[in-house]
């Protein structure tokens, strides 16, 4: 998805990378504040402490 959005649509980063950059915990809080559904995958990652780039793991793995 991210690669398609970068290469095909010319976006600087894909939507999943953007969520990791912002932080999955922040994204979850925003979704709840505006009463938008938060995917269970995001909830599970936040509960496991995988918050995105700031923790080295989220929807992508940054530990490399």
Protein backbone atom coordinates (compact mmCIF):
# COMPACT_ATOMS: atom_id res chain seq x y z
CA UNK A 1 0.00 0.00 0.00
CA UNK A 2 2.71 2.46 0.99
CA UNK A 3 4.84 1.73 -2.05
CA UNK A 4 1.84 2.09 -4.38
CA UNK A 5 0.96 5.47 -2.88
CA UNK A 6 4.55 6.70 -3.12
CA UNK A 7 5.30 5.43 -6.62
CA UNK A 8 1.85 5.51 -8.20
CA UNK A 9 0.31 8.59 -6.61
CA UNK A 10 3.47 10.57 -5.92
CA UNK A 11 2.85 10.90 -2.19
CA UNK A 12 5.97 11.49 -0.06
CA UNK A 13 5.01 8.54 2.17
CA UNK A 14 2.23 6.01 2.29
CA UNK A 15 -0.68 6.07 4.73
CA UNK A 16 0.65 3.27 6.94
CA UNK A 17 4.08 4.90 7.23
CA UNK A 18 2.34 8.17 8.07
CA UNK A 19 0.42 6.49 10.92
CA UNK A 20 3.72 5.10 12.27
CA UNK A 21 5.35 8.53 11.96
CA UNK A 22 2.55 10.26 13.89
CA UNK A 23 2.39 7.41 16.40
CA UNK A 24 -0.25 4.72 16.59
CA UNK A 25 -1.19 5.84 20.10
CA UNK A 26 -1.74 9.40 18.88
CA UNK A 27 -3.66 8.15 15.84
CA UNK A 28 -5.87 6.00 18.07
CA UNK A 29 -6.56 8.93 20.41
CA UNK A 30 -7.47 11.16 17.47
CA UNK A 31 -9.79 8.51 16.04
CA UNK A 32 -11.54 8.10 19.37
CA UNK A 33 -11.81 11.88 19.89
CA UNK A 34 -13.54 12.37 16.55
CA UNK A 35 -15.59 9.20 17.04
CA UNK A 36 -14.09 7.47 14.02
CA UNK A 37 -13.64 3.69 14.02
CA UNK A 38 -10.13 2.63 15.02
CA UNK A 39 -9.07 -0.68 13.40
CA UNK A 40 -8.49 -3.56 15.82
CA UNK A 41 -4.98 -4.01 14.39
CA UNK A 42 -4.07 -0.51 15.56
CA UNK A 43 -5.60 -1.14 18.99
CA UNK A 44 -3.66 -4.41 19.32
CA UNK A 45 -0.35 -2.80 18.34
CA UNK A 46 -0.87 0.06 20.82
CA UNK A 47 -1.72 -2.43 23.59
CA UNK A 48 1.50 -4.33 22.80
CA UNK A 49 3.54 -1.11 23.01
CA UNK A 50 4.30 -1.00 19.29
CA UNK A 51 3.58 2.67 18.73
CA UNK A 52 5.36 3.24 15.44
CA UNK A 53 8.64 4.86 14.60
CA UNK A 54 9.22 6.17 18.15
CA UNK A 55 9.35 2.62 19.54
CA UNK A 56 10.98 1.01 16.50
CA UNK A 57 7.91 -1.02 15.58
CA UNK A 58 4.35 -0.35 14.49
CA UNK A 59 2.76 -1.19 11.18
CA UNK A 60 6.36 -1.34 9.88
CA UNK A 61 9.53 -2.58 11.63
CA UNK A 62 12.14 0.16 12.11
CA UNK A 63 14.64 -1.92 14.11
CA UNK A 64 16.80 -2.63 11.07
